[in-house]
Structures are given as C-alpha cells and as structure tokens.
Amino acid sequence: PELVKNNQNGLIFEDENQLYEQLLLVSKDAKLL
C-alpha cells in the first residue's frame, strides 16, 4: 500500500482467482484501464 493504491494506480489481488478476474476486467473495461 505504500506504492499501489487499489483502484487508483493499480489493482491488488489476494489469489490467482482475483488476478484472473482483474485481468479480465482491465482487458474489457478500457475506461477503467
């Protein structure tokens, strides 16, 4: 959290399922990215 602020300058994940969901999200949501 000293560097990455979730949903501000990046996304933080806890496990491979969250990473998968985040990769899908940023690949589909150009506005968010």
PDB file of all heavy atoms in Angstrom:
ATOM      1  N   PRO A   1       0.793  -1.240   0.000  1.00  0.00           N
ATOM      2  CA  PRO A   1       0.000   0.000   0.000  1.00  0.00           C
ATOM      3  C   PRO A   1       0.826   1.291   0.000  1.00  0.00           C
ATOM      4  O   PRO A   1       0.309   2.353  -0.302  1.00  0.00           O
ATOM      5  CB  PRO A   1      -0.840  -0.115   1.277  1.00  0.00           C
ATOM      6  CG  PRO A   1      -0.951  -1.581   1.513  1.00  0.00           C
ATOM      7  CD  PRO A   1       0.384  -2.144   1.066  1.00  0.00           C
ATOM      8  N   GLU A   2       2.112   1.183   0.311  1.00  0.00           N
ATOM      9  CA  GLU A   2       2.977   2.357   0.212  1.00  0.00           C
ATOM     10  C   GLU A   2       3.104   2.810  -1.241  1.00  0.00           C
ATOM     11  O   GLU A   2       3.348   3.989  -1.505  1.00  0.00           O
ATOM     12  CB  GLU A   2       4.360   2.052   0.773  1.00  0.00           C
ATOM     13  CG  GLU A   2       4.369   1.779   2.262  1.00  0.00           C
ATOM     14  CD  GLU A   2       5.740   1.372   2.756  1.00  0.00           C
ATOM     15  OE1 GLU A   2       6.756   1.629   2.073  1.00  0.00           O
ATOM     16  OE2 GLU A   2       5.796   0.793   3.855  1.00  0.00           O
ATOM     17  N   LEU A   3       2.958   1.892  -2.185  1.00  0.00           N
ATOM     18  CA  LEU A   3       3.113   2.194  -3.599  1.00  0.00           C
ATOM     19  C   LEU A   3       1.809   2.080  -4.379  1.00  0.00           C
ATOM     20  O   LEU A   3       1.448   2.981  -5.124  1.00  0.00           O
ATOM     21  CB  LEU A   3       4.149   1.254  -4.230  1.00  0.00           C
ATOM     22  CG  LEU A   3       5.575   1.363  -3.738  1.00  0.00           C
ATOM     23  CD1 LEU A   3       6.416   0.227  -4.313  1.00  0.00           C
ATOM     24  CD2 LEU A   3       6.162   2.699  -4.136  1.00  0.00           C
ATOM     25  N   VAL A   4       1.141   0.956  -4.228  1.00  0.00           N
ATOM     26  CA  VAL A   4      -0.060   0.685  -5.030  1.00  0.00           C
ATOM     27  C   VAL A   4      -1.293   1.008  -4.203  1.00  0.00           C
ATOM     28  O   VAL A   4      -1.500   0.451  -3.131  1.00  0.00           O
ATOM     29  CB  VAL A   4      -0.111  -0.782  -5.495  1.00  0.00           C
ATOM     30  CG1 VAL A   4      -1.355  -1.033  -6.327  1.00  0.00           C
ATOM     31  CG2 VAL A   4       1.135  -1.135  -6.288  1.00  0.00           C
ATOM     32  N   LYS A   5      -2.083   1.924  -4.737  1.00  0.00           N
ATOM     33  CA  LYS A   5      -3.365   2.280  -4.120  1.00  0.00           C
ATOM     34  C   LYS A   5      -4.447   1.617  -4.946  1.00  0.00           C
ATOM     35  O   LYS A   5      -4.662   1.979  -6.102  1.00  0.00           O
ATOM     36  CB  LYS A   5      -3.507   3.791  -4.077  1.00  0.00           C
ATOM     37  CG  LYS A   5      -2.471   4.435  -3.157  1.00  0.00           C
ATOM     38  CD  LYS A   5      -2.297   5.900  -3.467  1.00  0.00           C
ATOM     39  CE  LYS A   5      -1.126   6.493  -2.715  1.00  0.00           C
ATOM     40  NZ  LYS A   5       0.156   6.072  -3.214  1.00  0.00           N
ATOM     41  N   ASN A   6      -5.108   0.625  -4.335  1.00  0.00           N
ATOM     42  CA  ASN A   6      -6.080  -0.190  -5.049  1.00  0.00           C
ATOM     43  C   ASN A   6      -7.159   0.668  -5.715  1.00  0.00           C
ATOM     44  O   ASN A   6      -7.718   1.566  -5.095  1.00  0.00           O
ATOM     45  CB  ASN A   6      -6.721  -1.202  -4.095  1.00  0.00           C
ATOM     46  CG  ASN A   6      -7.387  -2.334  -4.821  1.00  0.00           C
ATOM     47  OD1 ASN A   6      -6.859  -2.845  -5.805  1.00  0.00           O
ATOM     48  ND2 ASN A   6      -8.534  -2.736  -4.347  1.00  0.00           N
ATOM     49  N   ASN A   7      -7.401   0.390  -6.984  1.00  0.00           N
ATOM     50  CA  ASN A   7      -8.377   1.107  -7.816  1.00  0.00           C
ATOM     51  C   ASN A   7      -7.988   2.559  -8.101  1.00  0.00           C
ATOM     52  O   ASN A   7      -8.800   3.333  -8.592  1.00  0.00           O
ATOM     53  CB  ASN A   7      -9.786   1.059  -7.216  1.00  0.00           C
ATOM     54  CG  ASN A   7     -10.379  -0.309  -7.304  1.00  0.00           C
ATOM     55  OD1 ASN A   7     -10.333  -0.949  -8.350  1.00  0.00           O
ATOM     56  ND2 ASN A   7     -10.923  -0.782  -6.201  1.00  0.00           N
ATOM     57  N   GLN A   8      -6.765   2.923  -7.776  1.00  0.00           N
ATOM     58  CA  GLN A   8      -6.303   4.271  -8.102  1.00  0.00           C
ATOM     59  C   GLN A   8      -5.150   4.208  -9.105  1.00  0.00           C
ATOM     60  O   GLN A   8      -5.234   4.806 -10.168  1.00  0.00           O
ATOM     61  CB  GLN A   8      -5.877   5.020  -6.848  1.00  0.00           C
ATOM     62  CG  GLN A   8      -5.473   6.447  -7.128  1.00  0.00           C
ATOM     63  CD  GLN A   8      -5.132   7.219  -5.871  1.00  0.00           C
ATOM     64  OE1 GLN A   8      -5.536   6.862  -4.777  1.00  0.00           O
ATOM     65  NE2 GLN A   8      -4.380   8.285  -6.035  1.00  0.00           N
ATOM     66  N   ASN A   9      -4.070   3.524  -8.753  1.00  0.00           N
ATOM     67  CA  ASN A   9      -2.940   3.402  -9.673  1.00  0.00           C
ATOM     68  C   ASN A   9      -2.636   1.937 -10.009  1.00  0.00           C
ATOM     69  O   ASN A   9      -1.619   1.631 -10.588  1.00  0.00           O
ATOM     70  CB  ASN A   9      -1.697   4.101  -9.125  1.00  0.00           C
ATOM     71  CG  ASN A   9      -1.232   3.542  -7.804  1.00  0.00           C
ATOM     72  OD1 ASN A   9      -1.747   2.551  -7.308  1.00  0.00           O
ATOM     73  ND2 ASN A   9      -0.247   4.203  -7.216  1.00  0.00           N
ATOM     74  N   GLY A  10      -3.545   1.088  -9.614  1.00  0.00           N
ATOM     75  CA  GLY A  10      -3.395  -0.335  -9.887  1.00  0.00           C
ATOM     76  C   GLY A  10      -4.455  -1.132  -9.167  1.00  0.00           C
ATOM     77  O   GLY A  10      -5.373  -0.568  -8.576  1.00  0.00           O
ATOM     78  N   LEU A  11      -4.311  -2.428  -9.226  1.00  0.00           N
ATOM     79  CA  LEU A  11      -5.235  -3.338  -8.557  1.00  0.00           C
ATOM     80  C   LEU A  11      -4.432  -4.334  -7.744  1.00  0.00           C
ATOM     81  O   LEU A  11      -3.379  -4.800  -8.182  1.00  0.00           O
ATOM     82  CB  LEU A  11      -6.099  -4.079  -9.584  1.00  0.00           C
ATOM     83  CG  LEU A  11      -6.972  -3.208 -10.475  1.00  0.00           C
ATOM     84  CD1 LEU A  11      -7.618  -4.058 -11.569  1.00  0.00           C
ATOM     85  CD2 LEU A  11      -8.031  -2.480  -9.666  1.00  0.00           C
ATOM     86  N   ILE A  12      -4.924  -4.642  -6.558  1.00  0.00           N
ATOM     87  CA  ILE A  12      -4.248  -5.577  -5.665  1.00  0.00           C
ATOM     88  C   ILE A  12      -5.082  -6.848  -5.590  1.00  0.00           C
ATOM     89  O   ILE A  12      -6.294  -6.780  -5.427  1.00  0.00           O
ATOM     90  CB  ILE A  12      -4.070  -4.959  -4.266  1.00  0.00           C
ATOM     91  CG1 ILE A  12      -3.200  -3.698  -4.366  1.00  0.00           C
ATOM     92  CG2 ILE A  12      -3.458  -5.978  -3.310  1.00  0.00           C
ATOM     93  CD1 ILE A  12      -3.110  -2.908  -3.077  1.00  0.00           C
ATOM     94  N   PHE A  13      -4.417  -7.984  -5.724  1.00  0.00           N
ATOM     95  CA  PHE A  13      -5.129  -9.253  -5.642  1.00  0.00           C
ATOM     96  C   PHE A  13      -4.564 -10.120  -4.527  1.00  0.00           C
ATOM     97  O   PHE A  13      -3.415  -9.949  -4.116  1.00  0.00           O
ATOM     98  CB  PHE A  13      -5.097 -10.000  -6.984  1.00  0.00           C
ATOM     99  CG  PHE A  13      -3.724 -10.333  -7.491  1.00  0.00           C
ATOM    100  CD1 PHE A  13      -3.111 -11.524  -7.149  1.00  0.00           C
ATOM    101  CD2 PHE A  13      -3.052  -9.458  -8.336  1.00  0.00           C
ATOM    102  CE1 PHE A  13      -1.843 -11.840  -7.613  1.00  0.00           C
ATOM    103  CE2 PHE A  13      -1.783  -9.768  -8.812  1.00  0.00           C
ATOM    104  CZ  PHE A  13      -1.185 -10.963  -8.453  1.00  0.00           C
ATOM    105  N   GLU A  14      -5.397 -11.038  -4.035  1.00  0.00           N
ATOM    106  CA  GLU A  14      -5.020 -11.940  -2.950  1.00  0.00           C
ATOM    107  C   GLU A  14      -4.654 -13.332  -3.448  1.00  0.00           C
ATOM    108  O   GLU A  14      -3.876 -14.033  -2.812  1.00  0.00           O
ATOM    109  CB  GLU A  14      -6.171 -12.080  -1.948  1.00  0.00           C
ATOM    110  CG  GLU A  14      -6.574 -10.791  -1.273  1.00  0.00           C
ATOM    111  CD  GLU A  14      -5.697 -10.425  -0.101  1.00  0.00           C
ATOM    112  OE1 GLU A  14      -5.045 -11.339   0.457  1.00  0.00           O
ATOM    113  OE2 GLU A  14      -5.658  -9.237   0.237  1.00  0.00           O
ATOM    114  N   ASP A  15      -5.249 -13.742  -4.572  1.00  0.00           N
ATOM    115  CA  ASP A  15      -5.017 -15.100  -5.065  1.00  0.00           C
ATOM    116  C   ASP A  15      -5.179 -15.136  -6.587  1.00  0.00           C
ATOM    117  O   ASP A  15      -5.488 -14.117  -7.211  1.00  0.00           O
ATOM    118  CB  ASP A  15      -5.964 -16.100  -4.399  1.00  0.00           C
ATOM    119  CG  ASP A  15      -7.430 -15.779  -4.600  1.00  0.00           C
ATOM    120  OD1 ASP A  15      -7.797 -15.221  -5.662  1.00  0.00           O
ATOM    121  OD2 ASP A  15      -8.236 -16.089  -3.704  1.00  0.00           O
ATOM    122  N   GLU A  16      -4.952 -16.314  -7.163  1.00  0.00           N
ATOM    123  CA  GLU A  16      -4.991 -16.436  -8.623  1.00  0.00           C
ATOM    124  C   GLU A  16      -6.384 -16.159  -9.199  1.00  0.00           C
ATOM    125  O   GLU A  16      -6.503 -15.656 -10.320  1.00  0.00           O
ATOM    126  CB  GLU A  16      -4.489 -17.804  -9.082  1.00  0.00           C
ATOM    127  CG  GLU A  16      -5.325 -18.987  -8.636  1.00  0.00           C
ATOM    128  CD  GLU A  16      -4.993 -19.532  -7.260  1.00  0.00           C
ATOM    129  OE1 GLU A  16      -4.133 -18.983  -6.551  1.00  0.00           O
ATOM    130  OE2 GLU A  16      -5.618 -20.544  -6.891  1.00  0.00           O
ATOM    131  N   ASN A  17      -7.425 -16.439  -8.425  1.00  0.00           N
ATOM    132  CA  ASN A  17      -8.774 -16.155  -8.911  1.00  0.00           C
ATOM    133  C   ASN A  17      -9.026 -14.652  -9.034  1.00  0.00           C
ATOM    134  O   ASN A  17      -9.604 -14.189 -10.015  1.00  0.00           O
ATOM    135  CB  ASN A  17      -9.832 -16.794  -8.003  1.00  0.00           C
ATOM    136  CG  ASN A  17      -9.806 -18.302  -8.078  1.00  0.00           C
ATOM    137  OD1 ASN A  17      -9.569 -18.876  -9.133  1.00  0.00           O
ATOM    138  ND2 ASN A  17     -10.008 -18.952  -6.951  1.00  0.00           N
ATOM    139  N   GLN A  18      -8.580 -13.889  -8.049  1.00  0.00           N
ATOM    140  CA  GLN A  18      -8.716 -12.439  -8.128  1.00  0.00           C
ATOM    141  C   GLN A  18      -7.876 -11.871  -9.265  1.00  0.00           C
ATOM    142  O   GLN A  18      -8.313 -10.950  -9.954  1.00  0.00           O
ATOM    143  CB  GLN A  18      -8.311 -11.777  -6.812  1.00  0.00           C
ATOM    144  CG  GLN A  18      -9.357 -11.872  -5.744  1.00  0.00           C
ATOM    145  CD  GLN A  18      -8.949 -11.109  -4.496  1.00  0.00           C
ATOM    146  OE1 GLN A  18      -7.757 -10.961  -4.191  1.00  0.00           O
ATOM    147  NE2 GLN A  18      -9.938 -10.623  -3.774  1.00  0.00           N
ATOM    148  N   LEU A  19      -6.672 -12.391  -9.448  1.00  0.00           N
ATOM    149  CA  LEU A  19      -5.838 -11.932 -10.559  1.00  0.00           C
ATOM    150  C   LEU A  19      -6.540 -12.190 -11.883  1.00  0.00           C
ATOM    151  O   LEU A  19      -6.588 -11.311 -12.749  1.00  0.00           O
ATOM    152  CB  LEU A  19      -4.473 -12.629 -10.547  1.00  0.00           C
ATOM    153  CG  LEU A  19      -3.569 -12.344 -11.748  1.00  0.00           C
ATOM    154  CD1 LEU A  19      -3.277 -10.850 -11.883  1.00  0.00           C
ATOM    155  CD2 LEU A  19      -2.288 -13.155 -11.644  1.00  0.00           C
ATOM    156  N   TYR A  20      -7.099 -13.371 -12.038  1.00  0.00           N
ATOM    157  CA  TYR A  20      -7.839 -13.722 -13.259  1.00  0.00           C
ATOM    158  C   TYR A  20      -8.969 -12.729 -13.501  1.00  0.00           C
ATOM    159  O   TYR A  20      -9.120 -12.209 -14.613  1.00  0.00           O
ATOM    160  CB  TYR A  20      -8.378 -15.147 -13.132  1.00  0.00           C
ATOM    161  CG  TYR A  20      -9.286 -15.559 -14.260  1.00  0.00           C
ATOM    162  CD1 TYR A  20      -8.767 -15.917 -15.498  1.00  0.00           C
ATOM    163  CD2 TYR A  20     -10.662 -15.599 -14.083  1.00  0.00           C
ATOM    164  CE1 TYR A  20      -9.598 -16.290 -16.539  1.00  0.00           C
ATOM    165  CE2 TYR A  20     -11.503 -15.972 -15.118  1.00  0.00           C
ATOM    166  CZ  TYR A  20     -10.972 -16.316 -16.348  1.00  0.00           C
ATOM    167  OH  TYR A  20     -11.798 -16.681 -17.367  1.00  0.00           O
ATOM    168  N   GLU A  21      -9.748 -12.449 -12.464  1.00  0.00           N
ATOM    169  CA  GLU A  21     -10.869 -11.514 -12.591  1.00  0.00           C
ATOM    170  C   GLU A  21     -10.388 -10.109 -12.946  1.00  0.00           C
ATOM    171  O   GLU A  21     -10.994  -9.413 -13.763  1.00  0.00           O
ATOM    172  CB  GLU A  21     -11.697 -11.482 -11.305  1.00  0.00           C
ATOM    173  CG  GLU A  21     -12.443 -12.758 -11.018  1.00  0.00           C
ATOM    174  CD  GLU A  21     -13.473 -13.104 -12.083  1.00  0.00           C
ATOM    175  OE1 GLU A  21     -14.113 -12.188 -12.626  1.00  0.00           O
ATOM    176  OE2 GLU A  21     -13.625 -14.312 -12.379  1.00  0.00           O
ATOM    177  N   GLN A  22      -9.293  -9.688 -12.336  1.00  0.00           N
ATOM    178  CA  GLN A  22      -8.760  -8.354 -12.627  1.00  0.00           C
ATOM    179  C   GLN A  22      -8.215  -8.264 -14.049  1.00  0.00           C
ATOM    180  O   GLN A  22      -8.388  -7.237 -14.717  1.00  0.00           O
ATOM    181  CB  GLN A  22      -7.688  -7.979 -11.610  1.00  0.00           C
ATOM    182  CG  GLN A  22      -8.268  -7.722 -10.240  1.00  0.00           C
ATOM    183  CD  GLN A  22      -7.214  -7.475  -9.191  1.00  0.00           C
ATOM    184  OE1 GLN A  22      -6.010  -7.576  -9.444  1.00  0.00           O
ATOM    185  NE2 GLN A  22      -7.659  -7.172  -7.983  1.00  0.00           N
ATOM    186  N   LEU A  23      -7.559  -9.304 -14.514  1.00  0.00           N
ATOM    187  CA  LEU A  23      -7.069  -9.317 -15.898  1.00  0.00           C
ATOM    188  C   LEU A  23      -8.232  -9.232 -16.879  1.00  0.00           C
ATOM    189  O   LEU A  23      -8.162  -8.486 -17.867  1.00  0.00           O
ATOM    190  CB  LEU A  23      -6.225 -10.560 -16.171  1.00  0.00           C
ATOM    191  CG  LEU A  23      -4.848 -10.580 -15.521  1.00  0.00           C
ATOM    192  CD1 LEU A  23      -4.225 -11.958 -15.632  1.00  0.00           C
ATOM    193  CD2 LEU A  23      -3.948  -9.524 -16.138  1.00  0.00           C
ATOM    194  N   LEU A  24      -9.290  -9.963 -16.598  1.00  0.00           N
ATOM    195  CA  LEU A  24     -10.490  -9.864 -17.440  1.00  0.00           C
ATOM    196  C   LEU A  24     -11.067  -8.452 -17.391  1.00  0.00           C
ATOM    197  O   LEU A  24     -11.429  -7.883 -18.422  1.00  0.00           O
ATOM    198  CB  LEU A  24     -11.553 -10.869 -17.000  1.00  0.00           C
ATOM    199  CG  LEU A  24     -11.320 -12.327 -17.326  1.00  0.00           C
ATOM    200  CD1 LEU A  24     -12.468 -13.168 -16.764  1.00  0.00           C
ATOM    201  CD2 LEU A  24     -11.190 -12.549 -18.817  1.00  0.00           C
ATOM    202  N   LEU A  25     -11.151  -7.905 -16.205  1.00  0.00           N
ATOM    203  CA  LEU A  25     -11.732  -6.576 -16.027  1.00  0.00           C
ATOM    204  C   LEU A  25     -10.976  -5.513 -16.827  1.00  0.00           C
ATOM    205  O   LEU A  25     -11.586  -4.757 -17.584  1.00  0.00           O
ATOM    206  CB  LEU A  25     -11.733  -6.217 -14.542  1.00  0.00           C
ATOM    207  CG  LEU A  25     -12.303  -4.859 -14.161  1.00  0.00           C
ATOM    208  CD1 LEU A  25     -13.779  -4.772 -14.523  1.00  0.00           C
ATOM    209  CD2 LEU A  25     -12.099  -4.608 -12.673  1.00  0.00           C
ATOM    210  N   VAL A  26      -9.655  -5.453 -16.665  1.00  0.00           N
ATOM    211  CA  VAL A  26      -8.902  -4.408 -17.365  1.00  0.00           C
ATOM    212  C   VAL A  26      -8.826  -4.653 -18.865  1.00  0.00           C
ATOM    213  O   VAL A  26      -8.660  -3.708 -19.632  1.00  0.00           O
ATOM    214  CB  VAL A  26      -7.491  -4.178 -16.772  1.00  0.00           C
ATOM    215  CG1 VAL A  26      -7.582  -3.676 -15.349  1.00  0.00           C
ATOM    216  CG2 VAL A  26      -6.627  -5.412 -16.861  1.00  0.00           C
ATOM    217  N   SER A  27      -8.976  -5.901 -19.288  1.00  0.00           N
ATOM    218  CA  SER A  27      -8.957  -6.162 -20.729  1.00  0.00           C
ATOM    219  C   SER A  27     -10.290  -5.803 -21.377  1.00  0.00           C
ATOM    220  O   SER A  27     -10.347  -5.503 -22.567  1.00  0.00           O
ATOM    221  CB  SER A  27      -8.589  -7.622 -21.022  1.00  0.00           C
ATOM    222  OG  SER A  27      -9.594  -8.499 -20.574  1.00  0.00           O
ATOM    223  N   LYS A  28     -11.370  -5.814 -20.591  1.00  0.00           N
ATOM    224  CA  LYS A  28     -12.694  -5.495 -21.123  1.00  0.00           C
ATOM    225  C   LYS A  28     -13.119  -4.056 -20.868  1.00  0.00           C
ATOM    226  O   LYS A  28     -13.959  -3.522 -21.584  1.00  0.00           O
ATOM    227  CB  LYS A  28     -13.744  -6.417 -20.495  1.00  0.00           C
ATOM    228  CG  LYS A  28     -13.631  -7.856 -20.920  1.00  0.00           C
ATOM    229  CD  LYS A  28     -14.707  -8.693 -20.254  1.00  0.00           C
ATOM    230  CE  LYS A  28     -14.608 -10.141 -20.667  1.00  0.00           C
ATOM    231  NZ  LYS A  28     -15.650 -10.960 -20.010  1.00  0.00           N
ATOM    232  N   ASP A  29     -12.565  -3.436 -19.840  1.00  0.00           N
ATOM    233  CA  ASP A  29     -13.010  -2.096 -19.429  1.00  0.00           C
ATOM    234  C   ASP A  29     -11.924  -1.070 -19.744  1.00  0.00           C
ATOM    235  O   ASP A  29     -11.097  -0.739 -18.889  1.00  0.00           O
ATOM    236  CB  ASP A  29     -13.344  -2.114 -17.942  1.00  0.00           C
ATOM    237  CG  ASP A  29     -14.029  -0.846 -17.449  1.00  0.00           C
ATOM    238  OD1 ASP A  29     -13.988   0.173 -18.162  1.00  0.00           O
ATOM    239  OD2 ASP A  29     -14.610  -0.894 -16.355  1.00  0.00           O
ATOM    240  N   ALA A  30     -11.958  -0.559 -20.955  1.00  0.00           N
ATOM    241  CA  ALA A  30     -10.945   0.403 -21.389  1.00  0.00           C
ATOM    242  C   ALA A  30     -10.994   1.678 -20.558  1.00  0.00           C
ATOM    243  O   ALA A  30      -9.958   2.317 -20.319  1.00  0.00           O
ATOM    244  CB  ALA A  30     -11.131   0.732 -22.869  1.00  0.00           C
ATOM    245  N   LYS A  31     -12.178   2.042 -20.091  1.00  0.00           N
ATOM    246  CA  LYS A  31     -12.317   3.251 -19.273  1.00  0.00           C
ATOM    247  C   LYS A  31     -11.557   3.091 -17.951  1.00  0.00           C
ATOM    248  O   LYS A  31     -10.841   3.997 -17.530  1.00  0.00           O
ATOM    249  CB  LYS A  31     -13.793   3.545 -19.017  1.00  0.00           C
ATOM    250  CG  LYS A  31     -14.040   4.821 -18.280  1.00  0.00           C
ATOM    251  CD  LYS A  31     -15.536   5.091 -18.143  1.00  0.00           C
ATOM    252  CE  LYS A  31     -15.776   6.357 -17.354  1.00  0.00           C
ATOM    253  NZ  LYS A  31     -17.204   6.621 -17.175  1.00  0.00           N
ATOM    254  N   LEU A  32     -11.722   1.939 -17.295  1.00  0.00           N
ATOM    255  CA  LEU A  32     -11.009   1.680 -16.045  1.00  0.00           C
ATOM    256  C   LEU A  32      -9.510   1.683 -16.278  1.00  0.00           C
ATOM    257  O   LEU A  32      -8.765   2.344 -15.548  1.00  0.00           O
ATOM    258  CB  LEU A  32     -11.434   0.335 -15.440  1.00  0.00           C
ATOM    259  CG  LEU A  32     -10.608  -0.142 -14.240  1.00  0.00           C
ATOM    260  CD1 LEU A  32     -10.724   0.817 -13.067  1.00  0.00           C
ATOM    261  CD2 LEU A  32     -11.003  -1.552 -13.849  1.00  0.00           C
ATOM    262  N   LEU A  33      -9.057   0.965 -17.285  1.00  0.00           N
ATOM    263  CA  LEU A  33      -7.628   0.908 -17.572  1.00  0.00           C
ATOM    264  C   LEU A  33      -7.086   2.296 -17.882  1.00  0.00           C
ATOM    265  O   LEU A  33      -6.015   2.683 -17.406  1.00  0.00           O
ATOM    266  CB  LEU A  33      -7.346  -0.057 -18.727  1.00  0.00           C
ATOM    267  CG  LEU A  33      -5.885  -0.309 -19.046  1.00  0.00           C
ATOM    268  CD1 LEU A  33      -5.133  -0.840 -17.836  1.00  0.00           C
ATOM    269  CD2 LEU A  33      -5.766  -1.260 -20.219  1.00  0.00           C
TER     270      LEU A  33
END
